[in-house]
Amino acid sequence: MNRRNIFEQGEIFHICNKSIANYGIFKDLNNCQRFIQALDFQNGHKYDKNLASYLKRHKDYSPQLLEFDKNSLIKFISYCIMPDHYHLVIKILKGKILSKYINDVENSYSRYFNIKFDRKGPLWQDNFKAIRIETNEQLLHVVRYVNINPTTSGLVRKPEDWKYSSYRDLISSPKYLKKIIKEISISDNKKFKKFCEDNVDYQKKLRLIKKQLLE
């Protein structure tokens, strides 16, 4: 995390973090769902004292991250949970809460994971990284990158085949881009789908070039 970031209300950020030693903390899809539950549970909602207690009574808890209400601390614009890392594109709704929110989410998931797999120690490679989004062009680029990441990484053939990202909702239901996530300048879900998928091949090539440079 860049300590210069103050995380003011109304600002938009690309948030990401990776597991320690590239460990596949989200390879089990049930773990992806638990992380999504933590993202929603910590987002200003007073369901219970902690997520574990809440889930004992609500085993079917299946939050929709792209929706928000007056209690929400942040608004999700896009997200993607990958096998060893996550990406969030969020807008801050209540000032100076982002660091605590992300720390609460990561700590909640770490406790769950360590108990489930009988392990000890840190789960995350470092403090989360936060990049402020300052222009519409930058936002479009980041949102596209996040949503097609599973395809350009070779995990699925089509972005919508990856269950634990925002892409399926953004392209299937007109309400998100038209009424809820107006920060994205493309309000038509079919145009958004074309905008994202026209870039898949280029992003694959870019990923390959980066890999070759690092080897």
Protein backbone atom coordinates (compact mmCIF):
# COMPACT_ATOMS: atom_id res chain seq x y z
CA MET A 1 0.00 0.00 0.00
CA ASN A 2 1.23 3.46 -0.86
CA ARG A 3 1.33 5.33 2.44
CA ARG A 4 0.74 8.62 0.61
CA ASN A 5 -2.80 7.51 -0.19
CA ILE A 6 -5.28 9.13 2.16
CA PHE A 7 -8.27 7.36 0.64
CA GLU A 8 -10.79 10.19 0.61
CA GLN A 9 -14.52 9.82 0.07
CA GLY A 10 -15.49 9.74 -3.61
CA GLU A 11 -12.12 8.51 -4.87
CA ILE A 12 -11.79 5.36 -7.00
CA PHE A 13 -9.00 2.83 -6.50
CA HIS A 14 -7.69 -0.38 -8.01
CA ILE A 15 -6.88 -2.61 -5.01
CA CYS A 16 -4.93 -5.85 -5.23
CA ASN A 17 -2.96 -8.25 -3.09
CA LYS A 18 -1.27 -11.59 -3.59
CA SER A 19 -0.79 -14.65 -1.42
CA ILE A 20 2.54 -15.33 0.22
CA ALA A 21 4.84 -17.41 -2.04
CA ASN A 22 2.11 -17.37 -4.71
CA TYR A 23 0.22 -19.96 -2.67
CA GLY A 24 -3.10 -21.00 -4.27
CA ILE A 25 -5.34 -19.67 -1.53
CA PHE A 26 -8.32 -19.39 -3.91
CA LYS A 27 -7.86 -22.57 -5.96
CA ASP A 28 -10.74 -24.16 -4.05
CA LEU A 29 -13.82 -22.34 -5.34
CA ASN A 30 -15.43 -22.59 -1.90
CA ASN A 31 -12.59 -20.40 -0.67
CA CYS A 32 -13.43 -17.81 -3.36
CA GLN A 33 -16.98 -17.70 -2.08
CA ARG A 34 -15.80 -17.21 1.50
CA PHE A 35 -13.62 -14.28 0.44
CA ILE A 36 -16.58 -12.69 -1.37
CA GLN A 37 -18.65 -13.16 1.77
CA ALA A 38 -15.94 -11.38 3.77
CA LEU A 39 -15.87 -8.51 1.26
CA ASP A 40 -19.60 -8.00 1.70
CA PHE A 41 -19.81 -8.70 5.44
CA GLN A 42 -17.16 -6.11 6.33
CA ASN A 43 -18.69 -3.49 4.07
CA GLY A 44 -20.56 -1.57 6.76
CA HIS A 45 -23.20 -4.23 7.37
CA LYS A 46 -24.03 -5.16 10.97
CA TYR A 47 -25.14 -8.72 10.38
CA ASP A 48 -23.43 -10.19 13.45
CA LYS A 49 -20.29 -9.84 15.59
CA ASN A 50 -18.27 -11.84 13.04
CA LEU A 51 -18.70 -13.69 9.76
CA ALA A 52 -18.24 -17.17 11.22
CA SER A 53 -21.11 -16.64 13.66
CA TYR A 54 -23.34 -15.27 10.92
CA LEU A 55 -22.65 -18.21 8.62
CA LYS A 56 -23.70 -20.70 11.28
CA ARG A 57 -27.24 -19.36 10.92
CA HIS A 58 -27.11 -18.33 7.26
CA LYS A 59 -25.31 -21.07 5.35
CA ASP A 60 -26.80 -19.86 2.06
CA TYR A 61 -25.31 -16.35 2.40
CA SER A 62 -24.56 -15.37 -1.21
CA PRO A 63 -23.92 -11.61 -1.46
CA GLN A 64 -24.11 -9.56 -4.63
CA LEU A 65 -21.06 -7.30 -4.43
CA LEU A 66 -22.11 -4.93 -7.21
CA GLU A 67 -25.08 -3.70 -5.17
CA PHE A 68 -24.78 -1.30 -2.24
CA ASP A 69 -26.90 0.63 0.25
CA LYS A 70 -26.68 3.53 2.69
CA ASN A 71 -24.57 1.50 5.13
CA SER A 72 -21.92 0.51 2.58
CA LEU A 73 -18.38 1.80 3.13
CA ILE A 74 -17.34 1.21 -0.46
CA LYS A 75 -18.96 0.63 -3.83
CA PHE A 76 -17.69 -2.19 -6.02
CA ILE A 77 -17.18 -1.21 -9.66
CA SER A 78 -15.48 -4.48 -10.65
CA TYR A 79 -13.72 -7.39 -8.97
CA CYS A 80 -11.98 -10.66 -9.77
CA ILE A 81 -10.76 -13.41 -7.45
CA MET A 82 -7.85 -15.29 -9.04
CA PRO A 83 -6.19 -18.50 -7.70
CA ASP A 84 -3.43 -16.64 -5.79
CA HIS A 85 -4.55 -13.00 -5.75
CA TYR A 86 -7.49 -10.65 -6.00
CA HIS A 87 -8.39 -7.42 -7.82
CA LEU A 88 -10.97 -4.89 -6.68
CA VAL A 89 -12.01 -1.67 -8.39
CA ILE A 90 -13.86 0.33 -5.76
CA LYS A 91 -15.22 3.77 -4.98
CA ILE A 92 -14.93 5.03 -1.41
CA LEU A 93 -18.33 6.02 0.00
CA LYS A 94 -17.13 6.91 3.51
CA GLY A 95 -13.80 8.65 3.97
CA LYS A 96 -10.63 7.24 5.51
CA ILE A 97 -12.01 3.74 6.05
CA LEU A 98 -10.35 1.83 3.21
CA SER A 99 -7.26 0.59 5.06
CA LYS A 100 -9.33 -0.76 7.96
CA TYR A 101 -11.85 -2.33 5.60
CA ILE A 102 -9.25 -4.21 3.54
CA ASN A 103 -7.35 -5.27 6.66
CA ASP A 104 -10.58 -6.58 8.22
CA VAL A 105 -11.38 -8.56 5.07
CA GLU A 106 -7.89 -10.05 4.76
CA ASN A 107 -7.67 -10.89 8.47
CA SER A 108 -11.09 -12.54 8.39
CA TYR A 109 -10.11 -14.68 5.43
CA SER A 110 -6.70 -15.53 6.94
CA ARG A 111 -8.36 -16.83 10.12
CA TYR A 112 -10.77 -18.95 8.07
CA PHE A 113 -8.02 -20.34 5.82
CA ASN A 114 -5.58 -21.12 8.63
CA ILE A 115 -8.24 -22.93 10.65
CA LYS A 116 -9.52 -24.85 7.63
CA PHE A 117 -6.06 -26.05 6.59
CA ASP A 118 -4.51 -26.25 10.07
CA ARG A 119 -1.73 -23.79 9.29
CA LYS A 120 -0.19 -20.80 11.02
CA GLY A 121 1.41 -17.58 9.88
CA PRO A 122 0.67 -14.81 7.39
CA LEU A 123 -1.31 -15.46 4.24
CA TRP A 124 -0.62 -12.30 2.27
CA GLN A 125 2.58 -11.35 0.49
CA ASP A 126 2.53 -7.74 1.68
CA ASN A 127 0.21 -4.85 2.47
CA PHE A 128 -2.41 -4.40 -0.21
CA LYS A 129 -1.56 -2.19 -3.18
CA ALA A 130 -3.81 0.74 -4.04
CA ILE A 131 -3.66 2.70 -7.28
CA ARG A 132 -5.81 5.82 -7.52
CA ILE A 133 -7.92 6.02 -10.68
CA GLU A 134 -7.83 9.59 -11.93
CA THR A 135 -9.34 9.54 -15.44
CA ASN A 136 -12.18 7.86 -17.29
CA GLU A 137 -9.70 6.30 -19.73
CA GLN A 138 -7.71 4.82 -16.86
CA LEU A 139 -10.87 3.45 -15.25
CA LEU A 140 -11.99 1.76 -18.47
CA HIS A 141 -8.55 0.19 -18.95
CA VAL A 142 -8.40 -1.13 -15.36
CA VAL A 143 -11.97 -2.44 -15.37
CA ARG A 144 -11.33 -4.27 -18.64
CA TYR A 145 -8.05 -5.71 -17.36
CA VAL A 146 -9.67 -6.97 -14.16
CA ASN A 147 -12.68 -8.56 -15.83
CA ILE A 148 -10.84 -10.43 -18.60
CA ASN A 149 -7.94 -11.47 -16.39
CA PRO A 150 -9.12 -15.12 -16.05
CA THR A 151 -9.17 -15.48 -19.85
CA THR A 152 -5.83 -13.83 -20.54
CA SER A 153 -4.33 -15.98 -17.78
CA GLY A 154 -5.59 -19.13 -19.52
CA LEU A 155 -7.98 -20.21 -16.77
CA VAL A 156 -11.11 -20.12 -18.94
CA ARG A 157 -11.89 -19.63 -22.62
CA LYS A 158 -14.45 -16.85 -22.11
CA PRO A 159 -14.37 -14.24 -19.30
CA GLU A 160 -17.97 -15.00 -18.31
CA ASP A 161 -16.99 -18.61 -17.59
CA TRP A 162 -15.10 -17.43 -14.52
CA LYS A 163 -17.66 -17.40 -11.72
CA TYR A 164 -15.80 -15.26 -9.20
CA SER A 165 -15.62 -11.96 -11.01
CA SER A 166 -18.00 -9.12 -11.80
CA TYR A 167 -17.96 -9.75 -15.55
CA ARG A 168 -20.91 -12.13 -15.77
CA ASP A 169 -23.20 -9.68 -13.99
CA LEU A 170 -21.97 -6.66 -15.95
CA ILE A 171 -22.68 -8.22 -19.34
CA SER A 172 -25.89 -10.09 -18.48
CA SER A 173 -27.95 -7.53 -16.58
CA PRO A 174 -28.47 -4.03 -18.04
CA LYS A 175 -29.26 -2.55 -14.61
CA TYR A 176 -25.65 -2.52 -13.40
CA LEU A 177 -24.14 -0.28 -16.05
CA LYS A 178 -27.30 1.79 -16.60
CA LYS A 179 -28.40 2.39 -13.02
CA ILE A 180 -25.85 1.24 -10.43
CA ILE A 181 -22.29 1.57 -11.75
CA LYS A 182 -22.51 4.86 -13.60
CA GLU A 183 -18.80 5.50 -13.02
CA ILE A 184 -18.11 3.35 -16.11
CA SER A 185 -18.76 5.52 -19.16
CA ILE A 186 -20.07 2.57 -21.22
CA SER A 187 -23.67 2.13 -20.09
CA ASP A 188 -24.73 -0.55 -22.59
CA ASN A 189 -23.79 -4.06 -21.45
CA LYS A 190 -23.41 -5.38 -25.01
CA LYS A 191 -21.02 -2.57 -25.92
CA PHE A 192 -19.14 -3.20 -22.68
CA LYS A 193 -18.77 -6.89 -23.56
CA LYS A 194 -17.37 -5.99 -26.99
CA PHE A 195 -15.04 -3.38 -25.46
CA CYS A 196 -13.60 -5.98 -23.09
CA GLU A 197 -13.38 -8.99 -25.37
CA ASP A 198 -11.88 -7.11 -28.31
CA ASN A 199 -8.82 -6.67 -26.13
CA VAL A 200 -8.35 -10.30 -25.01
CA ASP A 201 -5.77 -11.24 -27.65
CA TYR A 202 -3.76 -8.06 -27.09
CA GLN A 203 -3.76 -8.60 -23.33
CA LYS A 204 -2.60 -12.20 -23.80
CA LYS A 205 0.34 -11.00 -25.91
CA LEU A 206 1.19 -8.31 -23.38
CA ARG A 207 1.17 -10.90 -20.59
CA LEU A 208 3.49 -13.15 -22.59
CA ILE A 209 5.92 -10.28 -23.23
CA LYS A 210 6.00 -9.42 -19.53
CA LYS A 211 6.63 -13.07 -18.65
CA GLN A 212 9.50 -13.31 -21.13
CA LEU A 213 11.10 -10.15 -19.74
CA LEU A 214 11.01 -11.58 -16.23
CA GLU A 215 12.51 -14.96 -17.13
